[in-house]
N, C-alpha and C. Protein backbone atom coordinates (compact mmCIF):
# COMPACT_ATOMS: atom_id res chain seq x y z
N UNK A 1 144.11 93.85 26.29
CA UNK A 1 145.29 93.47 25.73
C UNK A 1 144.94 92.91 24.28
N UNK A 2 145.99 93.27 23.32
CA UNK A 2 145.75 92.81 21.87
C UNK A 2 146.60 91.56 21.85
N UNK A 3 146.04 90.51 21.23
CA UNK A 3 146.77 89.26 20.94
C UNK A 3 146.92 89.12 19.47
N UNK A 4 148.16 88.52 19.18
CA UNK A 4 148.43 88.01 17.92
C UNK A 4 148.56 86.55 17.72
N UNK A 5 148.46 86.16 16.52
CA UNK A 5 148.67 84.72 16.18
C UNK A 5 149.94 84.24 16.78
N UNK A 6 149.92 83.19 17.34
CA UNK A 6 151.23 82.66 17.98
C UNK A 6 151.49 83.00 19.37
N UNK A 7 150.78 84.00 19.86
CA UNK A 7 150.88 84.41 21.23
C UNK A 7 150.39 83.36 22.26
N UNK A 8 151.15 83.07 23.23
CA UNK A 8 150.74 82.03 24.33
C UNK A 8 149.83 82.83 25.33
N UNK A 9 148.78 82.06 25.65
CA UNK A 9 147.76 82.70 26.41
C UNK A 9 147.19 81.63 27.66
N UNK A 10 146.64 82.28 28.49
CA UNK A 10 145.99 81.54 29.64
C UNK A 10 144.44 81.89 29.40
N UNK A 11 143.61 80.78 29.42
CA UNK A 11 142.16 81.02 29.19
C UNK A 11 141.56 80.50 30.63
N UNK A 12 140.78 81.39 31.09
CA UNK A 12 139.97 81.10 32.35
C UNK A 12 138.94 80.04 32.06
N UNK A 13 139.05 78.92 32.66
CA UNK A 13 138.03 77.86 32.55
C UNK A 13 137.00 77.70 33.70
N UNK A 14 137.50 77.76 34.75
CA UNK A 14 136.57 77.65 36.00
C UNK A 14 137.30 78.44 37.20
N UNK A 15 137.17 79.74 36.99
CA UNK A 15 137.77 80.56 38.04
C UNK A 15 139.21 80.43 38.32
N UNK A 16 139.66 80.47 39.63
CA UNK A 16 141.13 80.40 39.91
C UNK A 16 141.61 78.95 40.07
N UNK A 17 140.79 78.04 39.82
CA UNK A 17 141.08 76.54 40.16
C UNK A 17 141.41 75.94 38.64
N UNK A 18 140.85 76.29 37.60
CA UNK A 18 141.20 75.54 36.42
C UNK A 18 141.31 76.58 35.31
N UNK A 19 142.58 76.35 34.54
CA UNK A 19 142.91 77.25 33.46
C UNK A 19 143.39 76.52 32.24
N UNK A 20 143.39 76.89 31.07
CA UNK A 20 144.05 76.16 30.11
C UNK A 20 145.14 77.04 29.36
N UNK A 21 146.24 76.51 28.90
CA UNK A 21 147.24 77.32 28.31
C UNK A 21 147.34 76.81 26.86
N UNK A 22 147.50 77.73 26.02
CA UNK A 22 147.56 77.44 24.48
C UNK A 22 148.14 78.68 23.72
N UNK A 23 148.06 78.52 22.54
CA UNK A 23 148.51 79.47 21.73
C UNK A 23 147.43 80.12 20.64
N UNK A 24 147.48 81.32 20.30
CA UNK A 24 146.50 82.03 19.42
C UNK A 24 146.67 81.46 18.09
N UNK A 25 145.59 80.92 17.33
CA UNK A 25 145.64 80.47 16.05
C UNK A 25 145.02 81.33 15.01
N UNK A 26 144.12 82.24 15.51
CA UNK A 26 143.24 83.10 14.70
C UNK A 26 142.71 84.24 15.39
N UNK A 27 142.72 85.37 15.03
CA UNK A 27 142.37 86.69 15.70
C UNK A 27 141.30 87.33 14.95
N UNK A 28 140.26 87.78 15.65
CA UNK A 28 139.30 88.64 15.09
C UNK A 28 138.33 88.02 14.07
N UNK A 29 137.98 86.83 14.24
CA UNK A 29 136.89 86.21 13.41
C UNK A 29 135.60 86.08 14.28
N UNK A 30 134.48 85.97 13.66
CA UNK A 30 133.22 85.71 14.27
C UNK A 30 132.94 86.61 15.39
N UNK A 31 132.67 87.79 15.41
CA UNK A 31 132.29 88.80 16.32
C UNK A 31 133.47 88.96 17.34
N UNK A 32 134.78 89.19 16.75
CA UNK A 32 135.98 89.56 17.56
C UNK A 32 136.52 88.46 18.39
N UNK A 33 135.99 87.20 18.25
CA UNK A 33 136.55 86.13 19.06
C UNK A 33 138.03 85.82 18.54
N UNK A 34 138.74 85.06 19.52
CA UNK A 34 140.11 84.72 19.28
C UNK A 34 140.18 83.22 19.48
N UNK A 35 140.76 82.47 18.47
CA UNK A 35 140.71 81.09 18.41
C UNK A 35 142.21 80.59 19.15
N UNK A 36 141.99 79.72 19.99
CA UNK A 36 143.17 79.27 20.74
C UNK A 36 143.32 77.74 20.76
N UNK A 37 144.43 77.24 20.46
CA UNK A 37 144.66 75.71 20.51
C UNK A 37 145.25 75.54 21.92
N UNK A 38 144.39 74.75 22.57
CA UNK A 38 144.68 74.45 24.15
C UNK A 38 145.56 73.24 24.15
N UNK A 39 146.58 73.24 25.02
CA UNK A 39 147.70 72.34 25.08
C UNK A 39 147.75 71.70 26.38
N UNK A 40 147.68 72.66 27.37
CA UNK A 40 147.76 72.23 28.81
C UNK A 40 146.63 72.59 29.70
N UNK A 41 146.25 71.83 30.58
CA UNK A 41 145.23 72.02 31.56
C UNK A 41 146.04 72.22 32.98
N UNK A 42 145.69 73.40 33.55
CA UNK A 42 146.26 73.76 35.02
C UNK A 42 145.07 73.73 35.86
N UNK A 43 145.22 72.75 36.84
CA UNK A 43 144.10 72.69 37.83
C UNK A 43 144.88 72.62 39.29
N UNK A 44 144.50 73.49 39.98
CA UNK A 44 145.14 73.54 41.36
C UNK A 44 146.74 73.46 41.24
N UNK A 45 147.28 74.33 40.43
CA UNK A 45 148.67 74.52 40.10
C UNK A 45 149.34 73.13 39.60
N UNK A 46 148.52 72.28 39.09
CA UNK A 46 148.96 71.00 38.59
C UNK A 46 149.06 71.00 37.05
N UNK A 47 150.02 70.86 36.38
CA UNK A 47 149.95 70.95 34.78
C UNK A 47 149.77 69.64 34.32
N UNK A 48 148.92 69.35 33.25
CA UNK A 48 148.44 68.23 32.59
C UNK A 48 148.42 68.43 31.16
N UNK A 49 149.13 67.75 30.38
CA UNK A 49 149.07 67.76 29.12
C UNK A 49 147.78 67.16 28.51
N UNK A 50 147.06 67.86 27.47
CA UNK A 50 145.72 67.43 27.09
C UNK A 50 145.90 67.28 25.60
N UNK A 51 144.91 66.58 25.02
CA UNK A 51 144.88 66.46 23.50
C UNK A 51 144.55 67.92 23.07
N UNK A 52 145.40 68.37 22.08
CA UNK A 52 145.23 69.77 21.67
C UNK A 52 143.86 69.98 20.96
N UNK A 53 143.11 71.03 21.32
CA UNK A 53 141.91 71.23 20.76
C UNK A 53 141.73 72.81 20.68
N UNK A 54 140.92 73.25 19.71
CA UNK A 54 140.77 74.68 19.42
C UNK A 54 139.48 75.08 19.95
N UNK A 55 139.54 76.14 20.68
CA UNK A 55 138.37 76.76 21.26
C UNK A 55 138.29 78.31 20.97
N UNK A 56 137.25 78.92 21.25
CA UNK A 56 137.14 80.40 20.90
C UNK A 56 136.79 81.05 22.15
N UNK A 57 137.49 82.24 22.33
CA UNK A 57 137.35 83.11 23.47
C UNK A 57 137.10 84.56 22.95
N UNK A 58 136.64 85.28 23.99
CA UNK A 58 136.60 86.79 23.80
C UNK A 58 137.86 87.36 24.36
N UNK A 59 138.55 88.35 23.91
CA UNK A 59 139.89 88.94 24.45
C UNK A 59 139.79 89.01 26.06
N UNK A 60 138.67 89.37 26.52
CA UNK A 60 138.66 89.53 27.98
C UNK A 60 138.79 88.41 28.92
N UNK A 61 138.61 87.14 28.09
CA UNK A 61 138.87 85.98 28.88
C UNK A 61 140.24 85.31 28.79
N UNK A 62 141.17 86.22 28.07
CA UNK A 62 142.48 85.67 27.97
C UNK A 62 143.62 86.60 28.69
N UNK A 63 144.50 86.09 29.08
CA UNK A 63 145.72 86.78 29.56
C UNK A 63 147.00 86.14 29.07
N UNK A 64 148.00 86.92 28.88
CA UNK A 64 149.18 86.31 28.44
C UNK A 64 150.03 85.34 29.35
N UNK A 65 150.39 84.41 28.64
CA UNK A 65 151.05 83.27 29.45
C UNK A 65 152.51 83.49 29.80
N UNK A 66 153.05 84.75 29.32
CA UNK A 66 154.48 84.90 29.40
C UNK A 66 154.96 84.88 30.95
N UNK A 67 154.26 85.51 31.89
CA UNK A 67 154.69 85.60 33.10
C UNK A 67 154.56 84.21 33.81
N UNK A 68 153.61 83.36 33.37
CA UNK A 68 153.59 82.10 33.84
C UNK A 68 154.63 81.16 33.44
N UNK A 69 155.21 81.27 32.25
CA UNK A 69 156.24 80.54 31.71
C UNK A 69 157.53 81.15 32.43
N UNK A 70 157.72 82.30 32.67
CA UNK A 70 158.83 82.96 33.33
C UNK A 70 159.07 82.37 34.60
N UNK A 71 157.82 82.21 35.44
CA UNK A 71 157.84 81.70 36.71
C UNK A 71 158.04 80.25 36.96
N UNK A 72 157.85 79.56 35.81
CA UNK A 72 158.06 78.16 35.77
C UNK A 72 159.47 77.90 35.91
N UNK A 73 159.93 77.14 36.85
CA UNK A 73 161.32 77.02 36.96
C UNK A 73 161.85 75.70 36.10
N UNK A 74 161.10 74.70 35.85
CA UNK A 74 161.61 73.47 35.17
C UNK A 74 161.42 73.88 33.75
N UNK A 75 162.56 74.12 33.10
CA UNK A 75 162.50 74.30 31.60
C UNK A 75 162.28 73.05 30.81
N UNK A 76 162.28 71.84 31.31
CA UNK A 76 162.24 70.74 30.53
C UNK A 76 160.75 70.51 30.09
N UNK A 77 159.74 70.92 30.91
CA UNK A 77 158.45 70.98 30.55
C UNK A 77 158.24 71.76 29.33
N UNK A 78 158.83 73.13 29.35
CA UNK A 78 158.68 74.10 28.31
C UNK A 78 159.34 73.64 26.96
N UNK A 79 160.52 72.90 27.31
CA UNK A 79 161.18 72.42 26.01
C UNK A 79 160.34 71.29 25.38
N UNK A 80 159.69 70.39 26.15
CA UNK A 80 158.97 69.43 25.76
C UNK A 80 157.72 70.18 24.89
N UNK A 81 157.13 71.10 25.52
CA UNK A 81 156.14 71.81 24.86
C UNK A 81 156.55 72.44 23.56
N UNK A 82 157.61 73.02 23.44
CA UNK A 82 158.17 73.59 22.26
C UNK A 82 158.31 72.42 21.05
N UNK A 83 158.75 71.25 21.63
CA UNK A 83 158.91 70.13 20.62
C UNK A 83 157.53 69.71 20.09
N UNK A 84 156.72 69.61 21.15
CA UNK A 84 155.37 69.01 20.72
C UNK A 84 154.66 70.14 19.78
N UNK A 85 154.84 71.30 19.86
CA UNK A 85 154.10 72.38 19.06
C UNK A 85 154.95 72.67 17.80
N UNK A 86 156.17 72.01 17.63
CA UNK A 86 157.05 72.13 16.54
C UNK A 86 157.60 73.51 16.41
N UNK A 87 157.79 74.15 17.58
CA UNK A 87 158.35 75.67 17.55
C UNK A 87 159.69 75.78 17.76
N UNK A 88 160.45 75.65 16.59
CA UNK A 88 161.83 75.60 16.67
C UNK A 88 162.70 76.69 17.29
N UNK A 89 162.04 77.90 16.91
CA UNK A 89 162.66 79.21 17.47
C UNK A 89 162.59 79.15 19.07
N UNK A 90 161.33 78.92 19.52
CA UNK A 90 161.18 78.87 21.00
C UNK A 90 162.07 77.80 21.68
N UNK A 91 162.19 76.53 21.00
CA UNK A 91 163.12 75.56 21.56
C UNK A 91 164.49 76.07 21.65
N UNK A 92 165.04 76.76 20.45
CA UNK A 92 166.31 77.17 20.54
C UNK A 92 166.48 78.22 21.68
N UNK A 93 165.65 79.20 21.78
CA UNK A 93 165.68 80.25 22.89
C UNK A 93 165.74 79.49 24.22
N UNK A 94 164.99 78.36 24.58
CA UNK A 94 164.88 77.84 25.77
C UNK A 94 166.31 76.93 26.03
N UNK A 95 166.77 76.33 24.89
CA UNK A 95 167.98 75.49 25.07
C UNK A 95 169.36 76.17 24.83
N UNK A 96 169.32 77.51 24.40
CA UNK A 96 170.52 78.17 24.01
C UNK A 96 171.08 77.72 22.77
N UNK A 97 170.37 76.91 21.91
CA UNK A 97 170.70 76.35 20.76
C UNK A 97 171.72 75.23 20.86
N UNK A 98 171.99 74.85 22.13
CA UNK A 98 172.80 73.54 22.34
C UNK A 98 172.23 72.25 22.16
N UNK A 99 171.11 72.10 22.17
CA UNK A 99 170.41 70.85 22.01
C UNK A 99 170.24 70.49 20.58
N UNK A 100 170.01 69.39 20.16
CA UNK A 100 169.68 68.86 18.90
C UNK A 100 168.09 68.94 18.72
N UNK A 101 167.56 69.51 17.70
CA UNK A 101 166.16 69.66 17.36
C UNK A 101 165.60 68.27 16.77
N UNK A 102 164.58 67.81 17.67
CA UNK A 102 163.81 66.59 17.11
C UNK A 102 162.44 66.89 17.40
N UNK A 103 161.73 67.27 16.37
CA UNK A 103 160.29 67.51 16.51
C UNK A 103 159.51 66.14 16.83
N UNK A 104 158.56 66.46 17.68
CA UNK A 104 157.71 65.15 18.01
C UNK A 104 156.68 64.92 16.88
N UNK A 105 156.60 63.75 16.52
CA UNK A 105 155.40 63.37 15.41
C UNK A 105 154.35 63.04 16.39
N UNK A 106 153.06 63.62 15.74
CA UNK A 106 151.91 63.45 16.45
C UNK A 106 151.00 62.47 15.52
């Protein structure tokens, strides 16, 4: 799969038990690696916010996070994520533009 900057991805950390969710910040640097800013740690289906950090992966280590987000029923967590990452477009898609935009300061 080809990834672009801004794509949400899941990176395999420890087999099926631990993964991180983040978004692509840079593509195709340093021997085809993809840079990902990790935001969420998922361990045994439990989501935990982590201090954002940038890690490098090969494309085969990543999968799209779109299906994970589509399956996740509680949109409040996704809305919080949109606020924390200052992604106004995604926030508006999640809320139907009915909510007031307040970016979270970090």
